[in-house]
mmCIF file of all heavy atoms, coordinates in Angstrom:
data_MODEL
# 
_entry.id   MODEL 
# 
loop_
_atom_site.group_PDB 
_atom_site.id 
_atom_site.type_symbol 
_atom_site.label_atom_id 
_atom_site.label_alt_id 
_atom_site.label_comp_id 
_atom_site.label_asym_id 
_atom_site.label_entity_id 
_atom_site.label_seq_id 
_atom_site.pdbx_PDB_ins_code 
_atom_site.Cartn_x 
_atom_site.Cartn_y 
_atom_site.Cartn_z 
_atom_site.occupancy 
_atom_site.B_iso_or_equiv 
_atom_site.pdbx_formal_charge 
_atom_site.auth_seq_id 
_atom_site.auth_comp_id 
_atom_site.auth_asym_id 
_atom_site.auth_atom_id 
_atom_site.pdbx_PDB_model_num 
ATOM 1   N N   . ALA A 1 1  ? -13.382 -2.888 2.345   1.00 0.00 ? 1  ALA A N   1 
ATOM 2   C CA  . ALA A 1 1  ? -13.199 -1.688 1.524   1.00 0.00 ? 1  ALA A CA  1 
ATOM 3   C C   . ALA A 1 1  ? -11.831 -1.050 1.769   1.00 0.00 ? 1  ALA A C   1 
ATOM 4   O O   . ALA A 1 1  ? -11.198 -0.513 0.840   1.00 0.00 ? 1  ALA A O   1 
ATOM 5   C CB  . ALA A 1 1  ? -14.309 -0.682 1.816   1.00 0.00 ? 1  ALA A CB  1 
ATOM 6   N N   . GLN A 1 2  ? -11.374 -1.142 3.012   1.00 0.00 ? 2  GLN A N   1 
ATOM 7   C CA  . GLN A 1 2  ? -10.067 -0.560 3.339   1.00 0.00 ? 2  GLN A CA  1 
ATOM 8   C C   . GLN A 1 2  ? -8.926  -1.415 2.779   1.00 0.00 ? 2  GLN A C   1 
ATOM 9   O O   . GLN A 1 2  ? -7.904  -0.891 2.339   1.00 0.00 ? 2  GLN A O   1 
ATOM 10  C CB  . GLN A 1 2  ? -9.949  -0.409 4.851   1.00 0.00 ? 2  GLN A CB  1 
ATOM 11  C CG  . GLN A 1 2  ? -10.969 0.553  5.436   1.00 0.00 ? 2  GLN A CG  1 
ATOM 12  C CD  . GLN A 1 2  ? -11.369 0.203  6.848   1.00 0.00 ? 2  GLN A CD  1 
ATOM 13  O OE1 . GLN A 1 2  ? -10.684 -0.545 7.547   1.00 0.00 ? 2  GLN A OE1 1 
ATOM 14  N NE2 . GLN A 1 2  ? -12.512 0.736  7.291   1.00 0.00 ? 2  GLN A NE2 1 
ATOM 15  N N   . VAL A 1 3  ? -9.116  -2.741 2.781   1.00 0.00 ? 3  VAL A N   1 
ATOM 16  C CA  . VAL A 1 3  ? -8.121  -3.638 2.179   1.00 0.00 ? 3  VAL A CA  1 
ATOM 17  C C   . VAL A 1 3  ? -7.997  -3.340 0.694   1.00 0.00 ? 3  VAL A C   1 
ATOM 18  O O   . VAL A 1 3  ? -6.886  -3.267 0.142   1.00 0.00 ? 3  VAL A O   1 
ATOM 19  C CB  . VAL A 1 3  ? -8.505  -5.115 2.403   1.00 0.00 ? 3  VAL A CB  1 
ATOM 20  C CG1 . VAL A 1 3  ? -7.556  -6.029 1.635   1.00 0.00 ? 3  VAL A CG1 1 
ATOM 21  C CG2 . VAL A 1 3  ? -8.487  -5.459 3.878   1.00 0.00 ? 3  VAL A CG2 1 
ATOM 22  N N   . VAL A 1 4  ? -9.111  -3.143 0.032   1.00 0.00 ? 4  VAL A N   1 
ATOM 23  C CA  . VAL A 1 4  ? -9.102  -2.831 -1.397  1.00 0.00 ? 4  VAL A CA  1 
ATOM 24  C C   . VAL A 1 4  ? -8.370  -1.507 -1.646  1.00 0.00 ? 4  VAL A C   1 
ATOM 25  O O   . VAL A 1 4  ? -7.613  -1.372 -2.620  1.00 0.00 ? 4  VAL A O   1 
ATOM 26  C CB  . VAL A 1 4  ? -10.542 -2.773 -1.947  1.00 0.00 ? 4  VAL A CB  1 
ATOM 27  C CG1 . VAL A 1 4  ? -10.541 -2.352 -3.412  1.00 0.00 ? 4  VAL A CG1 1 
ATOM 28  C CG2 . VAL A 1 4  ? -11.216 -4.129 -1.790  1.00 0.00 ? 4  VAL A CG2 1 
ATOM 29  N N   . ALA A 1 5  ? -8.552  -0.535 -0.755  1.00 0.00 ? 5  ALA A N   1 
ATOM 30  C CA  . ALA A 1 5  ? -7.863  0.750  -0.895  1.00 0.00 ? 5  ALA A CA  1 
ATOM 31  C C   . ALA A 1 5  ? -6.348  0.580  -0.776  1.00 0.00 ? 5  ALA A C   1 
ATOM 32  O O   . ALA A 1 5  ? -5.576  1.215  -1.501  1.00 0.00 ? 5  ALA A O   1 
ATOM 33  C CB  . ALA A 1 5  ? -8.370  1.728  0.162   1.00 0.00 ? 5  ALA A CB  1 
ATOM 34  N N   . VAL A 1 6  ? -5.921  -0.291 0.151   1.00 0.00 ? 6  VAL A N   1 
ATOM 35  C CA  . VAL A 1 6  ? -4.488  -0.571 0.300   1.00 0.00 ? 6  VAL A CA  1 
ATOM 36  C C   . VAL A 1 6  ? -3.942  -1.240 -0.961  1.00 0.00 ? 6  VAL A C   1 
ATOM 37  O O   . VAL A 1 6  ? -2.846  -0.906 -1.436  1.00 0.00 ? 6  VAL A O   1 
ATOM 38  C CB  . VAL A 1 6  ? -4.235  -1.451 1.539   1.00 0.00 ? 6  VAL A CB  1 
ATOM 39  C CG1 . VAL A 1 6  ? -2.785  -1.918 1.581   1.00 0.00 ? 6  VAL A CG1 1 
ATOM 40  C CG2 . VAL A 1 6  ? -4.579  -0.686 2.810   1.00 0.00 ? 6  VAL A CG2 1 
ATOM 41  N N   . VAL A 1 7  ? -4.704  -2.170 -1.522  1.00 0.00 ? 7  VAL A N   1 
ATOM 42  C CA  . VAL A 1 7  ? -4.281  -2.832 -2.763  1.00 0.00 ? 7  VAL A CA  1 
ATOM 43  C C   . VAL A 1 7  ? -4.215  -1.808 -3.899  1.00 0.00 ? 7  VAL A C   1 
ATOM 44  O O   . VAL A 1 7  ? -3.314  -1.868 -4.753  1.00 0.00 ? 7  VAL A O   1 
ATOM 45  C CB  . VAL A 1 7  ? -5.226  -3.996 -3.115  1.00 0.00 ? 7  VAL A CB  1 
ATOM 46  C CG1 . VAL A 1 7  ? -4.885  -4.579 -4.481  1.00 0.00 ? 7  VAL A CG1 1 
ATOM 47  C CG2 . VAL A 1 7  ? -5.150  -5.083 -2.041  1.00 0.00 ? 7  VAL A CG2 1 
ATOM 48  N N   . ALA A 1 8  ? -5.148  -0.853 -3.926  1.00 0.00 ? 8  ALA A N   1 
ATOM 49  C CA  . ALA A 1 8  ? -5.103  0.214  -4.930  1.00 0.00 ? 8  ALA A CA  1 
ATOM 50  C C   . ALA A 1 8  ? -3.810  1.021  -4.800  1.00 0.00 ? 8  ALA A C   1 
ATOM 51  O O   . ALA A 1 8  ? -3.192  1.411  -5.805  1.00 0.00 ? 8  ALA A O   1 
ATOM 52  C CB  . ALA A 1 8  ? -6.316  1.127  -4.772  1.00 0.00 ? 8  ALA A CB  1 
ATOM 53  N N   . HIS A 1 9  ? -3.397  1.259  -3.568  1.00 0.00 ? 9  HIS A N   1 
ATOM 54  C CA  . HIS A 1 9  ? -2.108  1.935  -3.333  1.00 0.00 ? 9  HIS A CA  1 
ATOM 55  C C   . HIS A 1 9  ? -0.949  1.115  -3.911  1.00 0.00 ? 9  HIS A C   1 
ATOM 56  O O   . HIS A 1 9  ? -0.067  1.662  -4.590  1.00 0.00 ? 9  HIS A O   1 
ATOM 57  C CB  . HIS A 1 9  ? -1.917  2.149  -1.830  1.00 0.00 ? 9  HIS A CB  1 
ATOM 58  C CG  . HIS A 1 9  ? -0.539  2.557  -1.439  1.00 0.00 ? 9  HIS A CG  1 
ATOM 59  N ND1 . HIS A 1 9  ? -0.132  3.865  -1.353  1.00 0.00 ? 9  HIS A ND1 1 
ATOM 60  C CD2 . HIS A 1 9  ? 0.566   1.804  -1.119  1.00 0.00 ? 9  HIS A CD2 1 
ATOM 61  C CE1 . HIS A 1 9  ? 1.137   3.916  -0.994  1.00 0.00 ? 9  HIS A CE1 1 
ATOM 62  N NE2 . HIS A 1 9  ? 1.582   2.675  -0.845  1.00 0.00 ? 9  HIS A NE2 1 
ATOM 63  N N   . GLU A 1 10 ? -0.963  -0.202 -3.663  1.00 0.00 ? 10 GLU A N   1 
ATOM 64  C CA  . GLU A 1 10 ? 0.104   -1.061 -4.186  1.00 0.00 ? 10 GLU A CA  1 
ATOM 65  C C   . GLU A 1 10 ? 0.084   -1.095 -5.713  1.00 0.00 ? 10 GLU A C   1 
ATOM 66  O O   . GLU A 1 10 ? 1.133   -1.158 -6.362  1.00 0.00 ? 10 GLU A O   1 
ATOM 67  C CB  . GLU A 1 10 ? -0.020  -2.478 -3.623  1.00 0.00 ? 10 GLU A CB  1 
ATOM 68  C CG  . GLU A 1 10 ? 0.111   -2.573 -2.117  1.00 0.00 ? 10 GLU A CG  1 
ATOM 69  C CD  . GLU A 1 10 ? 1.384   -1.942 -1.593  1.00 0.00 ? 10 GLU A CD  1 
ATOM 70  O OE1 . GLU A 1 10 ? 2.423   -2.041 -2.290  1.00 0.00 ? 10 GLU A OE1 1 
ATOM 71  O OE2 . GLU A 1 10 ? 1.355   -1.350 -0.499  1.00 0.00 ? 10 GLU A OE2 1 
ATOM 72  N N   . LEU A 1 11 ? -1.109  -1.053 -6.300  1.00 0.00 ? 11 LEU A N   1 
ATOM 73  C CA  . LEU A 1 11 ? -1.209  -0.994 -7.762  1.00 0.00 ? 11 LEU A CA  1 
ATOM 74  C C   . LEU A 1 11 ? -0.620  0.309  -8.293  1.00 0.00 ? 11 LEU A C   1 
ATOM 75  O O   . LEU A 1 11 ? -0.140  0.358  -9.432  1.00 0.00 ? 11 LEU A O   1 
ATOM 76  C CB  . LEU A 1 11 ? -2.675  -1.131 -8.182  1.00 0.00 ? 11 LEU A CB  1 
ATOM 77  C CG  . LEU A 1 11 ? -3.261  -2.551 -8.075  1.00 0.00 ? 11 LEU A CG  1 
ATOM 78  C CD1 . LEU A 1 11 ? -4.775  -2.518 -8.244  1.00 0.00 ? 11 LEU A CD1 1 
ATOM 79  C CD2 . LEU A 1 11 ? -2.619  -3.464 -9.102  1.00 0.00 ? 11 LEU A CD2 1 
ATOM 80  N N   . GLY A 1 12 ? -0.666  1.351  -7.461  1.00 0.00 ? 12 GLY A N   1 
ATOM 81  C CA  . GLY A 1 12 ? -0.026  2.608  -7.845  1.00 0.00 ? 12 GLY A CA  1 
ATOM 82  C C   . GLY A 1 12 ? 1.474   2.437  -8.014  1.00 0.00 ? 12 GLY A C   1 
ATOM 83  O O   . GLY A 1 12 ? 2.086   3.006  -8.930  1.00 0.00 ? 12 GLY A O   1 
ATOM 84  N N   . HIS A 1 13 ? 2.094   1.639  -7.142  1.00 0.00 ? 13 HIS A N   1 
ATOM 85  C CA  . HIS A 1 13 ? 3.521   1.352  -7.293  1.00 0.00 ? 13 HIS A CA  1 
ATOM 86  C C   . HIS A 1 13 ? 3.778   0.647  -8.622  1.00 0.00 ? 13 HIS A C   1 
ATOM 87  O O   . HIS A 1 13 ? 4.767   0.919  -9.307  1.00 0.00 ? 13 HIS A O   1 
ATOM 88  C CB  . HIS A 1 13 ? 3.998   0.467  -6.128  1.00 0.00 ? 13 HIS A CB  1 
ATOM 89  C CG  . HIS A 1 13 ? 4.090   1.179  -4.823  1.00 0.00 ? 13 HIS A CG  1 
ATOM 90  N ND1 . HIS A 1 13 ? 4.837   2.326  -4.643  1.00 0.00 ? 13 HIS A ND1 1 
ATOM 91  C CD2 . HIS A 1 13 ? 3.545   0.902  -3.601  1.00 0.00 ? 13 HIS A CD2 1 
ATOM 92  C CE1 . HIS A 1 13 ? 4.750   2.728  -3.393  1.00 0.00 ? 13 HIS A CE1 1 
ATOM 93  N NE2 . HIS A 1 13 ? 3.963   1.885  -2.731  1.00 0.00 ? 13 HIS A NE2 1 
ATOM 94  N N   . TRP A 1 14 ? 2.876   -0.278 -8.978  1.00 0.00 ? 14 TRP A N   1 
ATOM 95  C CA  . TRP A 1 14 ? 3.041   -1.015 -10.231 1.00 0.00 ? 14 TRP A CA  1 
ATOM 96  C C   . TRP A 1 14 ? 2.844   -0.091 -11.440 1.00 0.00 ? 14 TRP A C   1 
ATOM 97  O O   . TRP A 1 14 ? 3.665   -0.089 -12.362 1.00 0.00 ? 14 TRP A O   1 
ATOM 98  C CB  . TRP A 1 14 ? 2.029   -2.167 -10.279 1.00 0.00 ? 14 TRP A CB  1 
ATOM 99  C CG  . TRP A 1 14 ? 1.920   -2.825 -11.614 1.00 0.00 ? 14 TRP A CG  1 
ATOM 100 C CD1 . TRP A 1 14 ? 2.887   -3.507 -12.281 1.00 0.00 ? 14 TRP A CD1 1 
ATOM 101 C CD2 . TRP A 1 14 ? 0.754   -2.844 -12.458 1.00 0.00 ? 14 TRP A CD2 1 
ATOM 102 N NE1 . TRP A 1 14 ? 2.414   -3.955 -13.488 1.00 0.00 ? 14 TRP A NE1 1 
ATOM 103 C CE2 . TRP A 1 14 ? 1.102   -3.572 -13.615 1.00 0.00 ? 14 TRP A CE2 1 
ATOM 104 C CE3 . TRP A 1 14 ? -0.538  -2.332 -12.337 1.00 0.00 ? 14 TRP A CE3 1 
ATOM 105 C CZ2 . TRP A 1 14 ? 0.197   -3.784 -14.655 1.00 0.00 ? 14 TRP A CZ2 1 
ATOM 106 C CZ3 . TRP A 1 14 ? -1.441  -2.551 -13.352 1.00 0.00 ? 14 TRP A CZ3 1 
ATOM 107 C CH2 . TRP A 1 14 ? -1.070  -3.260 -14.500 1.00 0.00 ? 14 TRP A CH2 1 
ATOM 108 N N   . LYS A 1 15 ? 1.776   0.696  -11.429 1.00 0.00 ? 15 LYS A N   1 
ATOM 109 C CA  . LYS A 1 15 ? 1.465   1.566  -12.560 1.00 0.00 ? 15 LYS A CA  1 
ATOM 110 C C   . LYS A 1 15 ? 2.558   2.599  -12.810 1.00 0.00 ? 15 LYS A C   1 
ATOM 111 O O   . LYS A 1 15 ? 2.858   2.949  -13.954 1.00 0.00 ? 15 LYS A O   1 
ATOM 112 C CB  . LYS A 1 15 ? 0.133   2.284  -12.316 1.00 0.00 ? 15 LYS A CB  1 
ATOM 113 C CG  . LYS A 1 15 ? -1.090  1.499  -12.729 1.00 0.00 ? 15 LYS A CG  1 
ATOM 114 C CD  . LYS A 1 15 ? -1.165  1.330  -14.246 1.00 0.00 ? 15 LYS A CD  1 
ATOM 115 C CE  . LYS A 1 15 ? -2.477  0.679  -14.666 1.00 0.00 ? 15 LYS A CE  1 
ATOM 116 N NZ  . LYS A 1 15 ? -2.544  0.515  -16.136 1.00 0.00 ? 15 LYS A NZ  1 
ATOM 117 N N   . HIS A 1 16 ? 3.163   3.086  -11.742 1.00 0.00 ? 16 HIS A N   1 
ATOM 118 C CA  . HIS A 1 16 ? 4.216   4.109  -11.880 1.00 0.00 ? 16 HIS A CA  1 
ATOM 119 C C   . HIS A 1 16 ? 5.606   3.498  -12.090 1.00 0.00 ? 16 HIS A C   1 
ATOM 120 O O   . HIS A 1 16 ? 6.595   4.236  -12.168 1.00 0.00 ? 16 HIS A O   1 
ATOM 121 C CB  . HIS A 1 16 ? 4.229   5.022  -10.652 1.00 0.00 ? 16 HIS A CB  1 
ATOM 122 C CG  . HIS A 1 16 ? 3.085   5.989  -10.603 1.00 0.00 ? 16 HIS A CG  1 
ATOM 123 N ND1 . HIS A 1 16 ? 2.990   7.084  -11.437 1.00 0.00 ? 16 HIS A ND1 1 
ATOM 124 C CD2 . HIS A 1 16 ? 1.961   6.014  -9.832  1.00 0.00 ? 16 HIS A CD2 1 
ATOM 125 C CE1 . HIS A 1 16 ? 1.886   7.759  -11.163 1.00 0.00 ? 16 HIS A CE1 1 
ATOM 126 N NE2 . HIS A 1 16 ? 1.237   7.124  -10.193 1.00 0.00 ? 16 HIS A NE2 1 
ATOM 127 N N   . GLY A 1 17 ? 5.673   2.167  -12.150 1.00 0.00 ? 17 GLY A N   1 
ATOM 128 C CA  . GLY A 1 17 ? 6.969   1.522  -12.407 1.00 0.00 ? 17 GLY A CA  1 
ATOM 129 C C   . GLY A 1 17 ? 7.975   1.719  -11.300 1.00 0.00 ? 17 GLY A C   1 
ATOM 130 O O   . GLY A 1 17 ? 9.181   1.795  -11.549 1.00 0.00 ? 17 GLY A O   1 
ATOM 131 N N   . HIS A 1 18 ? 7.500   1.791  -10.065 1.00 0.00 ? 18 HIS A N   1 
ATOM 132 C CA  . HIS A 1 18 ? 8.408   2.068  -8.953  1.00 0.00 ? 18 HIS A CA  1 
ATOM 133 C C   . HIS A 1 18 ? 9.428   0.955  -8.742  1.00 0.00 ? 18 HIS A C   1 
ATOM 134 O O   . HIS A 1 18 ? 10.557  1.223  -8.306  1.00 0.00 ? 18 HIS A O   1 
ATOM 135 C CB  . HIS A 1 18 ? 7.611   2.306  -7.663  1.00 0.00 ? 18 HIS A CB  1 
ATOM 136 C CG  . HIS A 1 18 ? 6.841   3.582  -7.686  1.00 0.00 ? 18 HIS A CG  1 
ATOM 137 N ND1 . HIS A 1 18 ? 5.797   3.846  -6.824  1.00 0.00 ? 18 HIS A ND1 1 
ATOM 138 C CD2 . HIS A 1 18 ? 6.964   4.676  -8.480  1.00 0.00 ? 18 HIS A CD2 1 
ATOM 139 C CE1 . HIS A 1 18 ? 5.316   5.051  -7.073  1.00 0.00 ? 18 HIS A CE1 1 
ATOM 140 N NE2 . HIS A 1 18 ? 6.004   5.567  -8.078  1.00 0.00 ? 18 HIS A NE2 1 
ATOM 141 N N   . PHE A 1 19 ? 9.055   -0.280 -9.039  1.00 0.00 ? 19 PHE A N   1 
ATOM 142 C CA  . PHE A 1 19 ? 10.013  -1.375 -8.860  1.00 0.00 ? 19 PHE A CA  1 
ATOM 143 C C   . PHE A 1 19 ? 11.198  -1.197 -9.803  1.00 0.00 ? 19 PHE A C   1 
ATOM 144 O O   . PHE A 1 19 ? 12.367  -1.325 -9.389  1.00 0.00 ? 19 PHE A O   1 
ATOM 145 C CB  . PHE A 1 19 ? 9.319   -2.718 -9.111  1.00 0.00 ? 19 PHE A CB  1 
ATOM 146 C CG  . PHE A 1 19 ? 10.210  -3.909 -8.884  1.00 0.00 ? 19 PHE A CG  1 
ATOM 147 C CD1 . PHE A 1 19 ? 10.413  -4.418 -7.614  1.00 0.00 ? 19 PHE A CD1 1 
ATOM 148 C CD2 . PHE A 1 19 ? 10.862  -4.521 -9.955  1.00 0.00 ? 19 PHE A CD2 1 
ATOM 149 C CE1 . PHE A 1 19 ? 11.235  -5.518 -7.401  1.00 0.00 ? 19 PHE A CE1 1 
ATOM 150 C CE2 . PHE A 1 19 ? 11.686  -5.616 -9.751  1.00 0.00 ? 19 PHE A CE2 1 
ATOM 151 C CZ  . PHE A 1 19 ? 11.872  -6.115 -8.484  1.00 0.00 ? 19 PHE A CZ  1 
ATOM 152 N N   . TYR A 1 20 ? 10.912  -0.879 -11.064 1.00 0.00 ? 20 TYR A N   1 
ATOM 153 C CA  . TYR A 1 20 ? 11.987  -0.684 -12.037 1.00 0.00 ? 20 TYR A CA  1 
ATOM 154 C C   . TYR A 1 20 ? 12.833  0.532  -11.674 1.00 0.00 ? 20 TYR A C   1 
ATOM 155 O O   . TYR A 1 20 ? 14.066  0.500  -11.780 1.00 0.00 ? 20 TYR A O   1 
ATOM 156 C CB  . TYR A 1 20 ? 11.403  -0.492 -13.441 1.00 0.00 ? 20 TYR A CB  1 
ATOM 157 C CG  . TYR A 1 20 ? 10.626  -1.669 -13.953 1.00 0.00 ? 20 TYR A CG  1 
ATOM 158 C CD1 . TYR A 1 20 ? 9.239   -1.658 -13.971 1.00 0.00 ? 20 TYR A CD1 1 
ATOM 159 C CD2 . TYR A 1 20 ? 11.285  -2.811 -14.427 1.00 0.00 ? 20 TYR A CD2 1 
ATOM 160 C CE1 . TYR A 1 20 ? 8.517   -2.739 -14.441 1.00 0.00 ? 20 TYR A CE1 1 
ATOM 161 C CE2 . TYR A 1 20 ? 10.573  -3.899 -14.905 1.00 0.00 ? 20 TYR A CE2 1 
ATOM 162 C CZ  . TYR A 1 20 ? 9.192   -3.855 -14.901 1.00 0.00 ? 20 TYR A CZ  1 
ATOM 163 O OH  . TYR A 1 20 ? 8.477   -4.937 -15.372 1.00 0.00 ? 20 TYR A OH  1 
ATOM 164 N N   . LYS A 1 21 ? 12.167  1.597  -11.259 1.00 0.00 ? 21 LYS A N   1 
ATOM 165 C CA  . LYS A 1 21 ? 12.901  2.810  -10.896 1.00 0.00 ? 21 LYS A CA  1 
ATOM 166 C C   . LYS A 1 21 ? 13.795  2.572  -9.681  1.00 0.00 ? 21 LYS A C   1 
ATOM 167 O O   . LYS A 1 21 ? 14.936  3.046  -9.635  1.00 0.00 ? 21 LYS A O   1 
ATOM 168 C CB  . LYS A 1 21 ? 11.917  3.947  -10.616 1.00 0.00 ? 21 LYS A CB  1 
ATOM 169 C CG  . LYS A 1 21 ? 11.171  4.411  -11.855 1.00 0.00 ? 21 LYS A CG  1 
ATOM 170 C CD  . LYS A 1 21 ? 10.093  5.430  -11.502 1.00 0.00 ? 21 LYS A CD  1 
ATOM 171 C CE  . LYS A 1 21 ? 9.304   5.838  -12.753 1.00 0.00 ? 21 LYS A CE  1 
ATOM 172 N NZ  . LYS A 1 21 ? 8.202   6.765  -12.415 1.00 0.00 ? 21 LYS A NZ  1 
ATOM 173 N N   . ALA A 1 22 ? 13.252  1.830  -8.693  1.00 0.00 ? 22 ALA A N   1 
ATOM 174 C CA  . ALA A 1 22 ? 14.047  1.525  -7.498  1.00 0.00 ? 22 ALA A CA  1 
ATOM 175 C C   . ALA A 1 22 ? 15.249  0.666  -7.850  1.00 0.00 ? 22 ALA A C   1 
ATOM 176 O O   . ALA A 1 22 ? 16.363  0.886  -7.343  1.00 0.00 ? 22 ALA A O   1 
ATOM 177 C CB  . ALA A 1 22 ? 13.175  0.826  -6.454  1.00 0.00 ? 22 ALA A CB  1 
ATOM 178 N N   . MET A 1 23 ? 15.044  -0.321 -8.729  1.00 0.00 ? 23 MET A N   1 
ATOM 179 C CA  . MET A 1 23 ? 16.154  -1.176 -9.135  1.00 0.00 ? 23 MET A CA  1 
ATOM 180 C C   . MET A 1 23 ? 17.192  -0.380 -9.913  1.00 0.00 ? 23 MET A C   1 
ATOM 181 O O   . MET A 1 23 ? 18.401  -0.568 -9.737  1.00 0.00 ? 23 MET A O   1 
ATOM 182 C CB  . MET A 1 23 ? 15.650  -2.346 -9.974  1.00 0.00 ? 23 MET A CB  1 
ATOM 183 C CG  . MET A 1 23 ? 14.821  -3.365 -9.206  1.00 0.00 ? 23 MET A CG  1 
ATOM 184 S SD  . MET A 1 23 ? 15.675  -4.006 -7.739  1.00 0.00 ? 23 MET A SD  1 
ATOM 185 C CE  . MET A 1 23 ? 17.143  -4.695 -8.482  1.00 0.00 ? 23 MET A CE  1 
ATOM 186 N N   . GLY A 1 24 ? 16.735  0.518  -10.781 1.00 0.00 ? 24 GLY A N   1 
ATOM 187 C CA  . GLY A 1 24 ? 17.679  1.362  -11.521 1.00 0.00 ? 24 GLY A CA  1 
ATOM 188 C C   . GLY A 1 24 ? 18.473  2.260  -10.596 1.00 0.00 ? 24 GLY A C   1 
ATOM 189 O O   . GLY A 1 24 ? 19.696  2.415  -10.744 1.00 0.00 ? 24 GLY A O   1 
ATOM 190 N N   . MET A 1 25 ? 17.791  2.846  -9.619  1.00 0.00 ? 25 MET A N   1 
ATOM 191 C CA  . MET A 1 25 ? 18.454  3.697  -8.631  1.00 0.00 ? 25 MET A CA  1 
ATOM 192 C C   . MET A 1 25 ? 19.473  2.893  -7.828  1.00 0.00 ? 25 MET A C   1 
ATOM 193 O O   . MET A 1 25 ? 20.589  3.366  -7.564  1.00 0.00 ? 25 MET A O   1 
ATOM 194 C CB  . MET A 1 25 ? 17.396  4.303  -7.713  1.00 0.00 ? 25 MET A CB  1 
ATOM 195 C CG  . MET A 1 25 ? 17.902  5.286  -6.683  1.00 0.00 ? 25 MET A CG  1 
ATOM 196 S SD  . MET A 1 25 ? 16.542  6.141  -5.839  1.00 0.00 ? 25 MET A SD  1 
ATOM 197 C CE  . MET A 1 25 ? 15.703  4.752  -5.064  1.00 0.00 ? 25 MET A CE  1 
ATOM 198 N N   . PHE A 1 26 ? 19.100  1.675  -7.476  1.00 0.00 ? 26 PHE A N   1 
ATOM 199 C CA  . PHE A 1 26 ? 19.998  0.801  -6.722  1.00 0.00 ? 26 PHE A CA  1 
ATOM 200 C C   . PHE A 1 26 ? 21.244  0.467  -7.539  1.00 0.00 ? 26 PHE A C   1 
ATOM 201 O O   . PHE A 1 26 ? 22.376  0.473  -7.020  1.00 0.00 ? 26 PHE A O   1 
ATOM 202 C CB  . PHE A 1 26 ? 19.257  -0.476 -6.331  1.00 0.00 ? 26 PHE A CB  1 
ATOM 203 C CG  . PHE A 1 26 ? 20.137  -1.538 -5.719  1.00 0.00 ? 26 PHE A CG  1 
ATOM 204 C CD1 . PHE A 1 26 ? 20.587  -1.419 -4.418  1.00 0.00 ? 26 PHE A CD1 1 
ATOM 205 C CD2 . PHE A 1 26 ? 20.519  -2.649 -6.457  1.00 0.00 ? 26 PHE A CD2 1 
ATOM 206 C CE1 . PHE A 1 26 ? 21.407  -2.388 -3.856  1.00 0.00 ? 26 PHE A CE1 1 
ATOM 207 C CE2 . PHE A 1 26 ? 21.333  -3.622 -5.911  1.00 0.00 ? 26 PHE A CE2 1 
ATOM 208 C CZ  . PHE A 1 26 ? 21.782  -3.499 -4.610  1.00 0.00 ? 26 PHE A CZ  1 
ATOM 209 N N   . GLN A 1 27 ? 21.055  0.182  -8.821  1.00 0.00 ? 27 GLN A N   1 
ATOM 210 C CA  . GLN A 1 27 ? 22.195  -0.163 -9.676  1.00 0.00 ? 27 GLN A CA  1 
ATOM 211 C C   . GLN A 1 27 ? 23.144  1.015  -9.852  1.00 0.00 ? 27 GLN A C   1 
ATOM 212 O O   . GLN A 1 27 ? 24.369  0.859  -9.814  1.00 0.00 ? 27 GLN A O   1 
ATOM 213 C CB  . GLN A 1 27 ? 21.701  -0.644 -11.048 1.00 0.00 ? 27 GLN A CB  1 
ATOM 214 C CG  . GLN A 1 27 ? 20.967  -1.964 -11.031 1.00 0.00 ? 27 GLN A CG  1 
ATOM 215 C CD  . GLN A 1 27 ? 21.821  -3.104 -10.529 1.00 0.00 ? 27 GLN A CD  1 
ATOM 216 O OE1 . GLN A 1 27 ? 23.025  -3.140 -10.762 1.00 0.00 ? 27 GLN A OE1 1 
ATOM 217 N NE2 . GLN A 1 27 ? 21.208  -4.050 -9.826  1.00 0.00 ? 27 GLN A NE2 1 
# 
């Protein structure tokens, strides 16, 4: 159950587009 909660946190990064935002900030 705790592993699933951690994965839910990682899905939050995906849903909020954090990868794209981080790459844009980096550029």
